[in-house]
PDB file of N, CA and C in Angstrom:
ATOM      1  N   MET A   1      39.900 165.609 254.304  1.00  0.00           N
ATOM      2  CA  MET A   1      40.483 166.296 255.449  1.00  0.00           C
ATOM      3  C   MET A   1      40.434 167.778 255.190  1.00  0.00           C
ATOM      4  N   LYS A   2      40.215 168.525 256.287  1.00  0.00           N
ATOM      5  CA  LYS A   2      40.180 169.962 256.184  1.00  0.00           C
ATOM      6  C   LYS A   2      41.414 170.555 256.868  1.00  0.00           C
ATOM      7  N   TYR A   3      41.679 171.818 256.546  1.00  0.00           N
ATOM      8  CA  TYR A   3      42.808 172.541 257.124  1.00  0.00           C
ATOM      9  C   TYR A   3      42.724 172.523 258.659  1.00  0.00           C
ATOM     10  N   THR A   4      41.531 172.754 259.192  1.00  0.00           N
ATOM     11  CA  THR A   4      41.372 172.798 260.633  1.00  0.00           C
ATOM     12  C   THR A   4      41.667 171.428 261.273  1.00  0.00           C
ATOM     13  N   ASP A   5      41.408 170.356 260.553  1.00  0.00           N
ATOM     14  CA  ASP A   5      41.738 169.033 261.072  1.00  0.00           C
ATOM     15  C   ASP A   5      43.238 168.896 261.269  1.00  0.00           C
ATOM     16  N   LEU A   6      44.009 169.419 260.324  1.00  0.00           N
ATOM     17  CA  LEU A   6      45.471 169.370 260.468  1.00  0.00           C
ATOM     18  C   LEU A   6      45.947 170.120 261.693  1.00  0.00           C
ATOM     19  N   LEU A   7      45.348 171.279 261.929  1.00  0.00           N
ATOM     20  CA  LEU A   7      45.725 172.086 263.075  1.00  0.00           C
ATOM     21  C   LEU A   7      45.385 171.392 264.385  1.00  0.00           C
ATOM     22  N   GLU A   8      44.202 170.800 264.418  1.00  0.00           N
ATOM     23  CA  GLU A   8      43.756 170.095 265.639  1.00  0.00           C
ATOM     24  C   GLU A   8      44.615 168.879 265.939  1.00  0.00           C
ATOM     25  N   ARG A   9      45.138 168.219 264.896  1.00  0.00           N
ATOM     26  CA  ARG A   9      45.972 167.037 265.093  1.00  0.00           C
ATOM     27  C   ARG A   9      47.407 167.384 265.419  1.00  0.00           C
ATOM     28  N   GLY A  10      47.752 168.664 265.338  1.00  0.00           N
ATOM     29  CA  GLY A  10      49.130 169.070 265.608  1.00  0.00           C
ATOM     30  C   GLY A  10      50.108 168.664 264.516  1.00  0.00           C
ATOM     31  N   SER A  11      49.649 168.717 263.281  1.00  0.00           N
ATOM     32  CA  SER A  11      50.479 168.343 262.156  1.00  0.00           C
ATOM     33  C   SER A  11      51.687 169.253 262.032  1.00  0.00           C
ATOM     34  N   SER A  12      52.756 168.721 261.451  1.00  0.00           N
ATOM     35  CA  SER A  12      53.978 169.500 261.271  1.00  0.00           C
ATOM     36  C   SER A  12      53.792 170.556 260.208  1.00  0.00           C
ATOM     37  N   GLU A  13      54.701 171.530 260.220  1.00  0.00           N
ATOM     38  CA  GLU A  13      54.656 172.590 259.213  1.00  0.00           C
ATOM     39  C   GLU A  13      54.742 171.995 257.803  1.00  0.00           C
ATOM     40  N   ALA A  14      55.595 170.990 257.638  1.00  0.00           N
ATOM     41  CA  ALA A  14      55.752 170.349 256.313  1.00  0.00           C
ATOM     42  C   ALA A  14      54.454 169.683 255.876  1.00  0.00           C
ATOM     43  N   GLN A  15      53.763 169.019 256.800  1.00  0.00           N
ATOM     44  CA  GLN A  15      52.485 168.380 256.464  1.00  0.00           C
ATOM     45  C   GLN A  15      51.441 169.409 256.060  1.00  0.00           C
ATOM     46  N   VAL A  16      51.386 170.515 256.764  1.00  0.00           N
ATOM     47  CA  VAL A  16      50.436 171.562 256.425  1.00  0.00           C
ATOM     48  C   VAL A  16      50.769 172.150 255.068  1.00  0.00           C
ATOM     49  N   GLN A  17      52.032 172.416 254.807  1.00  0.00           N
ATOM     50  CA  GLN A  17      52.446 172.969 253.503  1.00  0.00           C
ATOM     51  C   GLN A  17      52.093 171.995 252.375  1.00  0.00           C
ATOM     52  N   ALA A  18      52.324 170.707 252.579  1.00  0.00           N
ATOM     53  CA  ALA A  18      51.993 169.733 251.556  1.00  0.00           C
ATOM     54  C   ALA A  18      50.495 169.708 251.282  1.00  0.00           C
ATOM     55  N   PHE A  19      49.682 169.774 252.334  1.00  0.00           N
ATOM     56  CA  PHE A  19      48.241 169.794 252.180  1.00  0.00           C
ATOM     57  C   PHE A  19      47.797 171.023 251.406  1.00  0.00           C
ATOM     58  N   LEU A  20      48.345 172.191 251.734  1.00  0.00           N
ATOM     59  CA  LEU A  20      47.953 173.425 251.071  1.00  0.00           C
ATOM     60  C   LEU A  20      48.399 173.475 249.632  1.00  0.00           C
ATOM     61  N   SER A  21      49.471 172.789 249.289  1.00  0.00           N
ATOM     62  CA  SER A  21      49.998 172.790 247.922  1.00  0.00           C
ATOM     63  C   SER A  21      49.251 171.841 246.989  1.00  0.00           C
ATOM     64  N   ASP A  22      48.608 170.848 247.548  1.00  0.00           N
ATOM     65  CA  ASP A  22      47.885 169.856 246.735  1.00  0.00           C
ATOM     66  C   ASP A  22      46.533 170.375 246.297  1.00  0.00           C
ATOM     67  N   GLY A  23      45.938 169.697 245.352  1.00  0.00           N
ATOM     68  CA  GLY A  23      44.572 170.024 244.920  1.00  0.00           C
ATOM     69  C   GLY A  23      44.523 170.653 243.561  1.00  0.00           C
ATOM     70  N   GLU A  24      43.322 170.741 243.080  1.00  0.00           N
ATOM     71  CA  GLU A  24      43.073 171.319 241.754  1.00  0.00           C
ATOM     72  C   GLU A  24      43.170 172.853 241.842  1.00  0.00           C
ATOM     73  N   PRO A  25      43.743 173.459 240.803  1.00  0.00           N
ATOM     74  CA  PRO A  25      43.754 174.931 240.763  1.00  0.00           C
ATOM     75  C   PRO A  25      42.328 175.488 240.678  1.00  0.00           C
ATOM     76  N   THR A  26      42.098 176.549 241.407  1.00  0.00           N
ATOM     77  CA  THR A  26      40.794 177.202 241.427  1.00  0.00           C
ATOM     78  C   THR A  26      40.986 178.677 241.149  1.00  0.00           C
ATOM     79  N   PRO A  27      40.362 179.208 240.098  1.00  0.00           N
ATOM     80  CA  PRO A  27      40.536 180.631 239.836  1.00  0.00           C
ATOM     81  C   PRO A  27      39.786 181.449 240.874  1.00  0.00           C
ATOM     82  N   ILE A  28      40.402 182.562 241.278  1.00  0.00           N
ATOM     83  CA  ILE A  28      39.736 183.468 242.215  1.00  0.00           C
ATOM     84  C   ILE A  28      39.909 184.916 241.737  1.00  0.00           C
ATOM     85  N   THR A  29      39.081 185.752 242.221  1.00  0.00           N
ATOM     86  CA  THR A  29      39.214 187.189 241.939  1.00  0.00           C
ATOM     87  C   THR A  29      39.312 187.902 243.284  1.00  0.00           C
ATOM     88  N   ILE A  30      40.327 188.728 243.431  1.00  0.00           N
ATOM     89  CA  ILE A  30      40.424 189.551 244.629  1.00  0.00           C
ATOM     90  C   ILE A  30      40.626 190.994 244.214  1.00  0.00           C
ATOM     91  N   ARG A  31      40.167 191.868 245.020  1.00  0.00           N
ATOM     92  CA  ARG A  31      40.332 193.278 244.746  1.00  0.00           C
ATOM     93  C   ARG A  31      41.299 193.878 245.759  1.00  0.00           C
ATOM     94  N   VAL A  32      42.395 194.416 245.241  1.00  0.00           N
ATOM     95  CA  VAL A  32      43.415 195.054 246.062  1.00  0.00           C
ATOM     96  C   VAL A  32      43.752 196.411 245.447  1.00  0.00           C
ATOM     97  N   PRO A  33      44.269 197.324 246.224  1.00  0.00           N
ATOM     98  CA  PRO A  33      44.674 198.611 245.656  1.00  0.00           C
ATOM     99  C   PRO A  33      45.727 198.422 244.571  1.00  0.00           C
ATOM    100  N   LYS A  34      45.660 199.248 243.565  1.00  0.00           N
ATOM    101  CA  LYS A  34      46.579 199.125 242.416  1.00  0.00           C
ATOM    102  C   LYS A  34      48.042 199.173 242.868  1.00  0.00           C
ATOM    103  N   ASN A  35      48.352 200.059 243.809  1.00  0.00           N
ATOM    104  CA  ASN A  35      49.742 200.179 244.274  1.00  0.00           C
ATOM    105  C   ASN A  35      50.223 198.879 244.915  1.00  0.00           C
ATOM    106  N   LEU A  36      49.341 198.213 245.682  1.00  0.00           N
ATOM    107  CA  LEU A  36      49.709 196.956 246.316  1.00  0.00           C
ATOM    108  C   LEU A  36      49.969 195.883 245.255  1.00  0.00           C
ATOM    109  N   LYS A  37      49.108 195.799 244.245  1.00  0.00           N
ATOM    110  CA  LYS A  37      49.282 194.796 243.185  1.00  0.00           C
ATOM    111  C   LYS A  37      50.567 195.057 242.427  1.00  0.00           C
ATOM    112  N   GLU A  38      50.846 196.315 242.101  1.00  0.00           N
ATOM    113  CA  GLU A  38      52.070 196.648 241.355  1.00  0.00           C
ATOM    114  C   GLU A  38      53.310 196.329 242.180  1.00  0.00           C
ATOM    115  N   ALA A  39      53.266 196.643 243.469  1.00  0.00           N
ATOM    116  CA  ALA A  39      54.417 196.354 244.349  1.00  0.00           C
ATOM    117  C   ALA A  39      54.651 194.847 244.438  1.00  0.00           C
ATOM    118  N   ALA A  40      53.571 194.088 244.621  1.00  0.00           N
ATOM    119  CA  ALA A  40      53.676 192.635 244.706  1.00  0.00           C
ATOM    120  C   ALA A  40      54.202 192.040 243.408  1.00  0.00           C
ATOM    121  N   SER A  41      53.747 192.564 242.288  1.00  0.00           N
ATOM    122  CA  SER A  41      54.220 192.102 240.981  1.00  0.00           C
ATOM    123  C   SER A  41      55.682 192.373 240.811  1.00  0.00           C
ATOM    124  N   GLU A  42      56.131 193.539 241.294  1.00  0.00           N
ATOM    125  CA  GLU A  42      57.550 193.892 241.188  1.00  0.00           C
ATOM    126  C   GLU A  42      58.421 192.965 242.038  1.00  0.00           C
ATOM    127  N   VAL A  43      57.961 192.697 243.260  1.00  0.00           N
ATOM    128  CA  VAL A  43      58.701 191.769 244.145  1.00  0.00           C
ATOM    129  C   VAL A  43      58.749 190.387 243.523  1.00  0.00           C
ATOM    130  N   ALA A  44      57.631 189.937 242.982  1.00  0.00           N
ATOM    131  CA  ALA A  44      57.600 188.606 242.322  1.00  0.00           C
ATOM    132  C   ALA A  44      58.593 188.550 241.174  1.00  0.00           C
ATOM    133  N   ARG A  45      58.605 189.587 240.368  1.00  0.00           N
ATOM    134  CA  ARG A  45      59.536 189.615 239.219  1.00  0.00           C
ATOM    135  C   ARG A  45      60.978 189.591 239.709  1.00  0.00           C
ATOM    136  N   LEU A  46      61.285 190.347 240.752  1.00  0.00           N
ATOM    137  CA  LEU A  46      62.657 190.353 241.313  1.00  0.00           C
ATOM    138  C   LEU A  46      63.071 188.985 241.849  1.00  0.00           C
ATOM    139  N   ARG A  47      62.092 188.220 242.324  1.00  0.00           N
ATOM    140  CA  ARG A  47      62.377 186.873 242.839  1.00  0.00           C
ATOM    141  C   ARG A  47      62.335 185.827 241.734  1.00  0.00           C
ATOM    142  N   GLY A  48      61.957 186.240 240.544  1.00  0.00           N
ATOM    143  CA  GLY A  48      61.964 185.305 239.421  1.00  0.00           C
ATOM    144  C   GLY A  48      60.744 184.360 239.387  1.00  0.00           C
ATOM    145  N   VAL A  49      59.641 184.820 239.966  1.00  0.00           N
ATOM    146  CA  VAL A  49      58.416 184.006 239.944  1.00  0.00           C
ATOM    147  C   VAL A  49      57.275 184.854 239.413  1.00  0.00           C
ATOM    148  N   SER A  50      56.194 184.168 239.065  1.00  0.00           N
ATOM    149  CA  SER A  50      55.007 184.881 238.594  1.00  0.00           C
ATOM    150  C   SER A  50      54.277 185.509 239.784  1.00  0.00           C
ATOM    151  N   PHE A  51      53.413 186.454 239.489  1.00  0.00           N
ATOM    152  CA  PHE A  51      52.595 187.062 240.519  1.00  0.00           C
ATOM    153  C   PHE A  51      51.754 186.002 241.239  1.00  0.00           C
ATOM    154  N   SER A  52      51.145 185.104 240.462  1.00  0.00           N
ATOM    155  CA  SER A  52      50.327 184.045 241.060  1.00  0.00           C
ATOM    156  C   SER A  52      51.130 183.149 241.994  1.00  0.00           C
ATOM    157  N   ALA A  53      52.333 182.781 241.569  1.00  0.00           N
ATOM    158  CA  ALA A  53      53.193 181.928 242.413  1.00  0.00           C
ATOM    159  C   ALA A  53      53.580 182.664 243.709  1.00  0.00           C
ATOM    160  N   PHE A  54      53.842 183.969 243.587  1.00  0.00           N
ATOM    161  CA  PHE A  54      54.171 184.772 244.751  1.00  0.00           C
ATOM    162  C   PHE A  54      53.019 184.804 245.745  1.00  0.00           C
ATOM    163  N   VAL A  55      51.821 185.038 245.242  1.00  0.00           N
ATOM    164  CA  VAL A  55      50.652 185.085 246.124  1.00  0.00           C
ATOM    165  C   VAL A  55      50.409 183.733 246.768  1.00  0.00           C
ATOM    166  N   ARG A  56      50.496 182.645 245.978  1.00  0.00           N
ATOM    167  CA  ARG A  56      50.326 181.297 246.555  1.00  0.00           C
ATOM    168  C   ARG A  56      51.338 181.056 247.683  1.00  0.00           C
ATOM    169  N   ASN A  57      52.586 181.414 247.422  1.00  0.00           N
ATOM    170  CA  ASN A  57      53.634 181.224 248.408  1.00  0.00           C
ATOM    171  C   ASN A  57      53.351 182.018 249.691  1.00  0.00           C
ATOM    172  N   CYS A  58      52.910 183.247 249.540  1.00  0.00           N
ATOM    173  CA  CYS A  58      52.555 184.068 250.723  1.00  0.00           C
ATOM    174  C   CYS A  58      51.424 183.422 251.496  1.00  0.00           C
ATOM    175  N   LEU A  59      50.404 182.921 250.823  1.00  0.00           N
ATOM    176  CA  LEU A  59      49.281 182.285 251.507  1.00  0.00           C
ATOM    177  C   LEU A  59      49.727 181.009 252.215  1.00  0.00           C
ATOM    178  N   ILE A  60      50.512 180.200 251.562  1.00  0.00           N
ATOM    179  CA  ILE A  60      50.993 178.962 252.177  1.00  0.00           C
ATOM    180  C   ILE A  60      51.852 179.281 253.416  1.00  0.00           C
ATOM    181  N   ASN A  61      52.724 180.263 253.284  1.00  0.00           N
ATOM    182  CA  ASN A  61      53.576 180.642 254.429  1.00  0.00           C
ATOM    183  C   ASN A  61      52.721 181.107 255.597  1.00  0.00           C
ATOM    184  N   GLU A  62      51.736 181.928 255.328  1.00  0.00           N
ATOM    185  CA  GLU A  62      50.863 182.429 256.387  1.00  0.00           C
ATOM    186  C   GLU A  62      50.067 181.317 257.039  1.00  0.00           C
ATOM    187  N   LEU A  63      49.492 180.438 256.242  1.00  0.00           N
ATOM    188  CA  LEU A  63      48.632 179.391 256.782  1.00  0.00           C
ATOM    189  C   LEU A  63      49.405 178.242 257.434  1.00  0.00           C
ATOM    190  N   SER A  64      50.680 178.076 257.100  1.00  0.00           N
ATOM    191  CA  SER A  64      51.475 177.010 257.717  1.00  0.00           C
ATOM    192  C   SER A  64      52.265 177.509 258.902  1.00  0.00           C
ATOM    193  N   GLY A  65      52.120 178.781 259.241  1.00  0.00           N
ATOM    194  CA  GLY A  65      52.810 179.320 260.413  1.00  0.00           C
ATOM    195  C   GLY A  65      54.194 179.820 260.171  1.00  0.00           C
ATOM    196  N   ARG A  66      54.662 179.788 258.930  1.00  0.00           N
ATOM    197  CA  ARG A  66      55.991 180.313 258.621  1.00  0.00           C
ATOM    198  C   ARG A  66      55.889 181.818 258.506  1.00  0.00           C
ATOM    199  N   GLN A  67      56.942 182.506 258.933  1.00  0.00           N
ATOM    200  CA  GLN A  67      56.946 183.963 258.846  1.00  0.00           C
ATOM    201  C   GLN A  67      58.089 184.417 257.963  1.00  0.00           C
TER     202      GLN A  67
END
């Protein structure tokens, strides 16, 4: 199943989040401005999570329609 299939079927936010959270970890490289990375790292630290967990959470929230 693909992400777009979930959207077309009208899946609930919880179903979309579960789909996005499952699967094998895949390393990625992204290039962002240093100030953005440092700010995101600081916010993650204040929330008690790793930078990677913070980024994953942001992506899941964006893709599942949560704001």
